[in-house]
Amino acid sequence: VIGKKHNLLREIKKNNIKWIFIATPNNTHYTIVKTCLQKGINVFCEKPLCLSPSKAKYLITLAQKKKLKLYISDLYNFYSDKIKRLSSSNKVYRSKLVSEKDTEFFNRFMYHDISIFYKFLKNDRLKSSNFNMDKLNKIYKILIKLRKNKSIEFTYNLNSKKKNHIINNIHIRSKKDFLKKMIYNVMYNKVDIEKNNIKALFIIKFLHAIKKKVKYVH
């Protein structure tokens, strides 16, 4: 484990590292991933790859040029089969107690929900977004409308001791160890890196478009 007290480049050189797993704050991903790729190391990065669509695209292109593997964590892909179709009006509800000041729910929670909906959203387009927040109670609501006359309402309650994740009355949470399965699949070449990269870039662009439409500033 390379923590903040270690020198990344020195540890890479000393240990002849082939893969590096990045689980640092979101705003540090770009620089660390770029450094590792430039040093010829395969990268498994926690979502999101980075906060800028253009920088995410650059990193994906860099990995391809260097013939390296760049995988962006896609844990909720394992839950996507629970949602069989997108109805005209869809509802997402998530609750969790977030005690710290950070209320940046887009990359914490909404990223996962866009991942679950990806198979429907990739062939559609964002039409409009509406955002309401109750800062005092840490409740955030986003209503998005799509070109194909469908809508999704996301409600995130970050002030609840009860953990819930419900999409269209379907409970998403599972006791299965999907994290272990995902890492196993990556290490043993059982994933499609190109499809993973395309999906990760789509989600970053989609969230970026929502933020622009609702003029959200963290």
C-alpha atoms as a PDB file:
ATOM      1  CA  VAL A   1       0.000   0.000   0.000  1.00  0.00           C
ATOM      2  CA  ILE A   2       1.415   3.372  -1.036  1.00  0.00           C
ATOM      3  CA  GLY A   3       0.061   6.085   1.241  1.00  0.00           C
ATOM      4  CA  LYS A   4       0.537   9.835   1.174  1.00  0.00           C
ATOM      5  CA  LYS A   5       3.737   9.493   3.204  1.00  0.00           C
ATOM      6  CA  HIS A   6       5.380   7.449   0.448  1.00  0.00           C
ATOM      7  CA  ASN A   7       7.030   8.694  -2.732  1.00  0.00           C
ATOM      8  CA  LEU A   8       5.000   7.182  -5.585  1.00  0.00           C
ATOM      9  CA  LEU A   9       7.753   7.118  -8.210  1.00  0.00           C
ATOM     10  CA  ARG A  10      10.343   5.702  -5.808  1.00  0.00           C
ATOM     11  CA  GLU A  11       7.978   2.924  -4.689  1.00  0.00           C
ATOM     12  CA  ILE A  12       7.136   2.055  -8.297  1.00  0.00           C
ATOM     13  CA  LYS A  13      10.811   1.768  -9.269  1.00  0.00           C
ATOM     14  CA  LYS A  14      11.821  -0.146  -6.136  1.00  0.00           C
ATOM     15  CA  ASN A  15       9.042  -2.745  -6.290  1.00  0.00           C
ATOM     16  CA  ASN A  16       8.822  -3.287 -10.062  1.00  0.00           C
ATOM     17  CA  ILE A  17       5.043  -2.753  -9.915  1.00  0.00           C
ATOM     18  CA  LYS A  18       2.895  -4.086 -12.801  1.00  0.00           C
ATOM     19  CA  TRP A  19      -0.508  -2.893 -11.542  1.00  0.00           C
ATOM     20  CA  ILE A  20      -1.485  -0.024  -9.289  1.00  0.00           C
ATOM     21  CA  PHE A  21      -4.871   0.433  -7.588  1.00  0.00           C
ATOM     22  CA  ILE A  22      -5.858   4.054  -7.045  1.00  0.00           C
ATOM     23  CA  ALA A  23      -8.320   4.878  -4.266  1.00  0.00           C
ATOM     24  CA  THR A  24      -7.323   8.447  -3.487  1.00  0.00           C
ATOM     25  CA  PRO A  25      -9.547  11.589  -3.425  1.00  0.00           C
ATOM     26  CA  ASN A  26     -11.253  12.212  -6.780  1.00  0.00           C
ATOM     27  CA  ASN A  27      -9.355  15.410  -7.528  1.00  0.00           C
ATOM     28  CA  THR A  28      -6.029  13.523  -7.387  1.00  0.00           C
ATOM     29  CA  HIS A  29      -6.923  10.739  -9.841  1.00  0.00           C
ATOM     30  CA  TYR A  30      -5.833  12.515 -13.020  1.00  0.00           C
ATOM     31  CA  THR A  31      -2.283  13.272 -11.918  1.00  0.00           C
ATOM     32  CA  ILE A  32      -1.667   9.854 -10.350  1.00  0.00           C
ATOM     33  CA  VAL A  33      -3.149   7.874 -13.253  1.00  0.00           C
ATOM     34  CA  LYS A  34      -1.178   9.938 -15.758  1.00  0.00           C
ATOM     35  CA  THR A  35       2.069   9.369 -13.838  1.00  0.00           C
ATOM     36  CA  CYS A  36       1.518   5.611 -13.637  1.00  0.00           C
ATOM     37  CA  LEU A  37       0.644   5.265 -17.307  1.00  0.00           C
ATOM     38  CA  GLN A  38       3.692   7.284 -18.319  1.00  0.00           C
ATOM     39  CA  LYS A  39       5.796   4.867 -16.251  1.00  0.00           C
ATOM     40  CA  GLY A  40       4.299   1.877 -18.072  1.00  0.00           C
ATOM     41  CA  ILE A  41       2.053   0.568 -15.284  1.00  0.00           C
ATOM     42  CA  ASN A  42      -1.462  -0.879 -15.656  1.00  0.00           C
ATOM     43  CA  VAL A  43      -4.031   1.038 -13.610  1.00  0.00           C
ATOM     44  CA  PHE A  44      -7.188   0.105 -11.721  1.00  0.00           C
ATOM     45  CA  CYS A  45      -8.802   3.409 -10.710  1.00  0.00           C
ATOM     46  CA  GLU A  46     -11.687   4.036  -8.341  1.00  0.00           C
ATOM     47  CA  LYS A  47     -14.543   5.903 -10.019  1.00  0.00           C
ATOM     48  CA  PRO A  48     -14.606   8.532 -11.396  1.00  0.00           C
ATOM     49  CA  LEU A  49     -11.471   8.319 -13.519  1.00  0.00           C
ATOM     50  CA  CYS A  50     -11.244  12.096 -13.097  1.00  0.00           C
ATOM     51  CA  LEU A  51     -13.574  15.083 -12.892  1.00  0.00           C
ATOM     52  CA  SER A  52     -13.050  16.471 -16.405  1.00  0.00           C
ATOM     53  CA  PRO A  53     -14.368  14.696 -19.528  1.00  0.00           C
ATOM     54  CA  SER A  54     -11.465  16.007 -21.632  1.00  0.00           C
ATOM     55  CA  LYS A  55      -8.863  14.800 -19.111  1.00  0.00           C
ATOM     56  CA  ALA A  56     -10.590  11.420 -18.834  1.00  0.00           C
ATOM     57  CA  LYS A  57     -10.451  11.053 -22.605  1.00  0.00           C
ATOM     58  CA  TYR A  58      -6.756  11.965 -22.578  1.00  0.00           C
ATOM     59  CA  LEU A  59      -5.964   9.266 -19.997  1.00  0.00           C
ATOM     60  CA  ILE A  60      -7.862   6.619 -21.945  1.00  0.00           C
ATOM     61  CA  THR A  61      -6.036   7.596 -25.145  1.00  0.00           C
ATOM     62  CA  LEU A  62      -2.691   7.584 -23.306  1.00  0.00           C
ATOM     63  CA  ALA A  63      -3.309   4.042 -22.019  1.00  0.00           C
ATOM     64  CA  GLN A  64      -4.176   2.883 -25.541  1.00  0.00           C
ATOM     65  CA  LYS A  65      -1.041   4.456 -27.007  1.00  0.00           C
ATOM     66  CA  LYS A  66       1.122   2.823 -24.349  1.00  0.00           C
ATOM     67  CA  LYS A  67      -0.730  -0.508 -24.787  1.00  0.00           C
ATOM     68  CA  LEU A  68      -1.553  -0.562 -21.087  1.00  0.00           C
ATOM     69  CA  LYS A  69      -4.690  -1.599 -19.238  1.00  0.00           C
ATOM     70  CA  LEU A  70      -6.727   1.147 -17.613  1.00  0.00           C
ATOM     71  CA  TYR A  71      -9.801  -0.106 -15.762  1.00  0.00           C
ATOM     72  CA  ILE A  72     -12.245   2.186 -13.977  1.00  0.00           C
ATOM     73  CA  SER A  73     -14.102   0.594 -11.071  1.00  0.00           C
ATOM     74  CA  ASP A  74     -17.584  -0.396 -12.225  1.00  0.00           C
ATOM     75  CA  LEU A  75     -18.952  -2.231  -9.207  1.00  0.00           C
ATOM     76  CA  TYR A  76     -22.581  -1.395  -9.919  1.00  0.00           C
ATOM     77  CA  ASN A  77     -22.465  -3.040 -13.315  1.00  0.00           C
ATOM     78  CA  PHE A  78     -23.234  -6.215 -11.334  1.00  0.00           C
ATOM     79  CA  TYR A  79     -26.551  -4.684 -10.261  1.00  0.00           C
ATOM     80  CA  SER A  80     -27.648  -3.466 -13.693  1.00  0.00           C
ATOM     81  CA  ASP A  81     -29.520  -6.676 -14.558  1.00  0.00           C
ATOM     82  CA  LYS A  82     -32.015  -5.901 -11.787  1.00  0.00           C
ATOM     83  CA  ILE A  83     -33.428  -3.122 -13.975  1.00  0.00           C
ATOM     84  CA  LYS A  84     -35.014  -4.750 -17.014  1.00  0.00           C
ATOM     85  CA  ARG A  85     -36.448  -1.655 -18.657  1.00  0.00           C
ATOM     86  CA  LEU A  86     -36.759   2.089 -18.402  1.00  0.00           C
ATOM     87  CA  SER A  87     -40.346   3.231 -17.889  1.00  0.00           C
ATOM     88  CA  SER A  88     -41.652   6.690 -18.730  1.00  0.00           C
ATOM     89  CA  SER A  89     -41.153   7.841 -15.134  1.00  0.00           C
ATOM     90  CA  ASN A  90     -38.388   6.330 -12.989  1.00  0.00           C
ATOM     91  CA  LYS A  91     -37.453   6.934  -9.380  1.00  0.00           C
ATOM     92  CA  VAL A  92     -34.180   6.406  -7.542  1.00  0.00           C
ATOM     93  CA  TYR A  93     -33.952   6.734  -3.768  1.00  0.00           C
ATOM     94  CA  ARG A  94     -30.792   6.416  -1.726  1.00  0.00           C
ATOM     95  CA  SER A  95     -30.252   7.081   1.951  1.00  0.00           C
ATOM     96  CA  LYS A  96     -27.121   6.962   4.051  1.00  0.00           C
ATOM     97  CA  LEU A  97     -25.641   8.851   6.973  1.00  0.00           C
ATOM     98  CA  VAL A  98     -22.815  11.085   5.763  1.00  0.00           C
ATOM     99  CA  SER A  99     -21.438  12.784   8.843  1.00  0.00           C
ATOM    100  CA  GLU A 100     -18.594  14.733   7.234  1.00  0.00           C
ATOM    101  CA  LYS A 101     -19.037  18.051   5.457  1.00  0.00           C
ATOM    102  CA  ASP A 102     -18.575  16.556   1.996  1.00  0.00           C
ATOM    103  CA  THR A 103     -21.989  16.449   0.320  1.00  0.00           C
ATOM    104  CA  GLU A 104     -20.717  15.887  -3.231  1.00  0.00           C
ATOM    105  CA  PHE A 105     -23.254  13.207  -4.071  1.00  0.00           C
ATOM    106  CA  PHE A 106     -22.770  13.272  -7.865  1.00  0.00           C
ATOM    107  CA  ASN A 107     -19.606  11.166  -7.838  1.00  0.00           C
ATOM    108  CA  ARG A 108     -20.420   9.368  -4.589  1.00  0.00           C
ATOM    109  CA  PHE A 109     -23.873   8.055  -5.463  1.00  0.00           C
ATOM    110  CA  MET A 110     -25.266   9.298  -8.751  1.00  0.00           C
ATOM    111  CA  TYR A 111     -22.288   7.878 -10.647  1.00  0.00           C
ATOM    112  CA  HIS A 112     -23.396   4.389  -9.567  1.00  0.00           C
ATOM    113  CA  ASP A 113     -26.997   4.974 -10.618  1.00  0.00           C
ATOM    114  CA  ILE A 114     -25.969   6.260 -14.049  1.00  0.00           C
ATOM    115  CA  SER A 115     -23.860   3.097 -14.331  1.00  0.00           C
ATOM    116  CA  ILE A 116     -26.944   0.962 -13.641  1.00  0.00           C
ATOM    117  CA  PHE A 117     -28.990   2.911 -16.219  1.00  0.00           C
ATOM    118  CA  TYR A 118     -26.160   3.010 -18.763  1.00  0.00           C
ATOM    119  CA  LYS A 119     -27.617   0.398 -21.125  1.00  0.00           C
ATOM    120  CA  PHE A 120     -30.651   2.690 -21.586  1.00  0.00           C
ATOM    121  CA  LEU A 121     -28.963   6.092 -21.439  1.00  0.00           C
ATOM    122  CA  LYS A 122     -26.208   5.389 -23.969  1.00  0.00           C
ATOM    123  CA  ASN A 123     -28.792   5.435 -26.780  1.00  0.00           C
ATOM    124  CA  ASP A 124     -30.635   8.486 -25.498  1.00  0.00           C
ATOM    125  CA  ARG A 125     -29.813  12.123 -24.805  1.00  0.00           C
ATOM    126  CA  LEU A 126     -30.202  14.434 -21.856  1.00  0.00           C
ATOM    127  CA  LYS A 127     -32.944  16.987 -22.514  1.00  0.00           C
ATOM    128  CA  SER A 128     -33.213  18.908 -19.249  1.00  0.00           C
ATOM    129  CA  SER A 129     -32.341  18.779 -15.556  1.00  0.00           C
ATOM    130  CA  ASN A 130     -33.894  20.249 -12.453  1.00  0.00           C
ATOM    131  CA  PHE A 131     -32.162  20.391  -9.077  1.00  0.00           C
ATOM    132  CA  ASN A 132     -33.523  20.988  -5.584  1.00  0.00           C
ATOM    133  CA  MET A 133     -31.660  20.722  -2.321  1.00  0.00           C
ATOM    134  CA  ASP A 134     -32.391  20.931   1.363  1.00  0.00           C
ATOM    135  CA  LYS A 135     -28.913  21.695   2.698  1.00  0.00           C
ATOM    136  CA  LEU A 136     -29.993  21.669   6.312  1.00  0.00           C
ATOM    137  CA  ASN A 137     -31.320  18.099   6.100  1.00  0.00           C
ATOM    138  CA  LYS A 138     -28.863  17.001   3.392  1.00  0.00           C
ATOM    139  CA  ILE A 139     -31.552  15.928   0.926  1.00  0.00           C
ATOM    140  CA  TYR A 140     -30.820  16.410  -2.768  1.00  0.00           C
ATOM    141  CA  LYS A 141     -33.209  15.852  -5.679  1.00  0.00           C
ATOM    142  CA  ILE A 142     -32.419  15.847  -9.378  1.00  0.00           C
ATOM    143  CA  LEU A 143     -35.018  15.329 -12.086  1.00  0.00           C
ATOM    144  CA  ILE A 144     -33.656  14.616 -15.536  1.00  0.00           C
ATOM    145  CA  LYS A 145     -35.680  14.365 -18.717  1.00  0.00           C
ATOM    146  CA  LEU A 146     -34.495  12.426 -21.747  1.00  0.00           C
ATOM    147  CA  ARG A 147     -35.138  12.909 -25.461  1.00  0.00           C
ATOM    148  CA  LYS A 148     -37.252   9.750 -25.690  1.00  0.00           C
ATOM    149  CA  ASN A 149     -39.907  11.176 -23.345  1.00  0.00           C
ATOM    150  CA  LYS A 150     -38.581   9.409 -20.261  1.00  0.00           C
ATOM    151  CA  SER A 151     -37.567  10.864 -16.930  1.00  0.00           C
ATOM    152  CA  ILE A 152     -35.549   9.807 -13.888  1.00  0.00           C
ATOM    153  CA  GLU A 153     -35.915  11.395 -10.462  1.00  0.00           C
ATOM    154  CA  PHE A 154     -32.958  10.889  -8.134  1.00  0.00           C
ATOM    155  CA  THR A 155     -33.397  11.505  -4.399  1.00  0.00           C
ATOM    156  CA  TYR A 156     -30.373  11.321  -2.107  1.00  0.00           C
ATOM    157  CA  ASN A 157     -30.905  11.554   1.639  1.00  0.00           C
ATOM    158  CA  LEU A 158     -27.492  11.868   3.290  1.00  0.00           C
ATOM    159  CA  ASN A 159     -28.902  12.342   6.764  1.00  0.00           C
ATOM    160  CA  SER A 160     -30.396   8.918   7.429  1.00  0.00           C
ATOM    161  CA  LYS A 161     -29.035   6.132   9.627  1.00  0.00           C
ATOM    162  CA  LYS A 162     -30.866   3.594   7.483  1.00  0.00           C
ATOM    163  CA  LYS A 163     -29.088   2.531   4.298  1.00  0.00           C
ATOM    164  CA  ASN A 164     -31.412   2.217   1.321  1.00  0.00           C
ATOM    165  CA  HIS A 165     -30.879   1.976  -2.409  1.00  0.00           C
ATOM    166  CA  ILE A 166     -34.123   1.582  -4.330  1.00  0.00           C
ATOM    167  CA  ILE A 167     -34.795   1.962  -8.045  1.00  0.00           C
ATOM    168  CA  ASN A 168     -38.402   1.712  -9.226  1.00  0.00           C
ATOM    169  CA  ASN A 169     -39.321  -0.153  -6.015  1.00  0.00           C
ATOM    170  CA  ILE A 170     -36.496  -2.643  -6.521  1.00  0.00           C
ATOM    171  CA  HIS A 171     -33.949  -2.947  -3.724  1.00  0.00           C
ATOM    172  CA  ILE A 172     -30.493  -2.792  -5.257  1.00  0.00           C
ATOM    173  CA  ARG A 173     -28.265  -3.713  -2.336  1.00  0.00           C
ATOM    174  CA  SER A 174     -26.795  -7.228  -2.178  1.00  0.00           C
ATOM    175  CA  LYS A 175     -24.767  -9.302   0.285  1.00  0.00           C
ATOM    176  CA  LYS A 176     -22.637 -10.784  -2.495  1.00  0.00           C
ATOM    177  CA  ASP A 177     -18.968  -9.808  -2.640  1.00  0.00           C
ATOM    178  CA  PHE A 178     -19.007  -8.149  -6.051  1.00  0.00           C
ATOM    179  CA  LEU A 179     -15.841  -6.176  -5.284  1.00  0.00           C
ATOM    180  CA  LYS A 180     -13.822  -9.374  -5.036  1.00  0.00           C
ATOM    181  CA  LYS A 181     -15.404 -10.661  -8.244  1.00  0.00           C
ATOM    182  CA  MET A 182     -14.674  -7.435 -10.118  1.00  0.00           C
ATOM    183  CA  ILE A 183     -11.001  -7.403  -9.090  1.00  0.00           C
ATOM    184  CA  TYR A 184     -10.658 -11.099  -9.969  1.00  0.00           C
ATOM    185  CA  ASN A 185     -12.130 -10.473 -13.432  1.00  0.00           C
ATOM    186  CA  VAL A 186      -9.745  -7.583 -14.071  1.00  0.00           C
ATOM    187  CA  MET A 187      -6.642  -9.458 -12.918  1.00  0.00           C
ATOM    188  CA  TYR A 188      -7.500 -12.553 -14.978  1.00  0.00           C
ATOM    189  CA  ASN A 189      -8.429 -10.703 -18.171  1.00  0.00           C
ATOM    190  CA  LYS A 190     -12.139 -11.474 -17.946  1.00  0.00           C
ATOM    191  CA  VAL A 191     -13.248  -7.895 -18.681  1.00  0.00           C
ATOM    192  CA  ASP A 192     -13.527  -5.828 -21.838  1.00  0.00           C
ATOM    193  CA  ILE A 193     -11.254  -2.851 -21.132  1.00  0.00           C
ATOM    194  CA  GLU A 194     -12.446  -0.886 -24.163  1.00  0.00           C
ATOM    195  CA  LYS A 195     -16.118  -1.192 -23.186  1.00  0.00           C
ATOM    196  CA  ASN A 196     -15.242  -0.253 -19.609  1.00  0.00           C
ATOM    197  CA  ASN A 197     -13.445   2.875 -20.790  1.00  0.00           C
ATOM    198  CA  ILE A 198     -16.290   3.905 -23.104  1.00  0.00           C
ATOM    199  CA  LYS A 199     -18.801   3.505 -20.282  1.00  0.00           C
ATOM    200  CA  ALA A 200     -16.674   5.402 -17.734  1.00  0.00           C
ATOM    201  CA  LEU A 201     -16.195   8.306 -20.145  1.00  0.00           C
ATOM    202  CA  PHE A 202     -19.928   8.371 -20.911  1.00  0.00           C
ATOM    203  CA  ILE A 203     -20.823   8.604 -17.211  1.00  0.00           C
ATOM    204  CA  ILE A 204     -18.347  11.429 -16.594  1.00  0.00           C
ATOM    205  CA  LYS A 205     -19.740  13.345 -19.582  1.00  0.00           C
ATOM    206  CA  PHE A 206     -23.336  12.691 -18.513  1.00  0.00           C
ATOM    207  CA  LEU A 207     -22.761  13.932 -14.957  1.00  0.00           C
ATOM    208  CA  HIS A 208     -20.843  16.918 -16.293  1.00  0.00           C
ATOM    209  CA  ALA A 209     -23.795  17.802 -18.546  1.00  0.00           C
ATOM    210  CA  ILE A 210     -26.235  17.573 -15.613  1.00  0.00           C
ATOM    211  CA  LYS A 211     -24.041  19.803 -13.450  1.00  0.00           C
ATOM    212  CA  LYS A 212     -23.872  22.400 -16.217  1.00  0.00           C
ATOM    213  CA  LYS A 213     -27.626  22.403 -16.735  1.00  0.00           C
ATOM    214  CA  VAL A 214     -28.438  22.808 -13.039  1.00  0.00           C
ATOM    215  CA  LYS A 215     -25.446  25.119 -12.466  1.00  0.00           C
ATOM    216  CA  TYR A 216     -24.333  22.980  -9.542  1.00  0.00           C
ATOM    217  CA  VAL A 217     -21.283  24.212  -7.649  1.00  0.00           C
ATOM    218  CA  HIS A 218     -19.855  22.058  -4.843  1.00  0.00           C
END
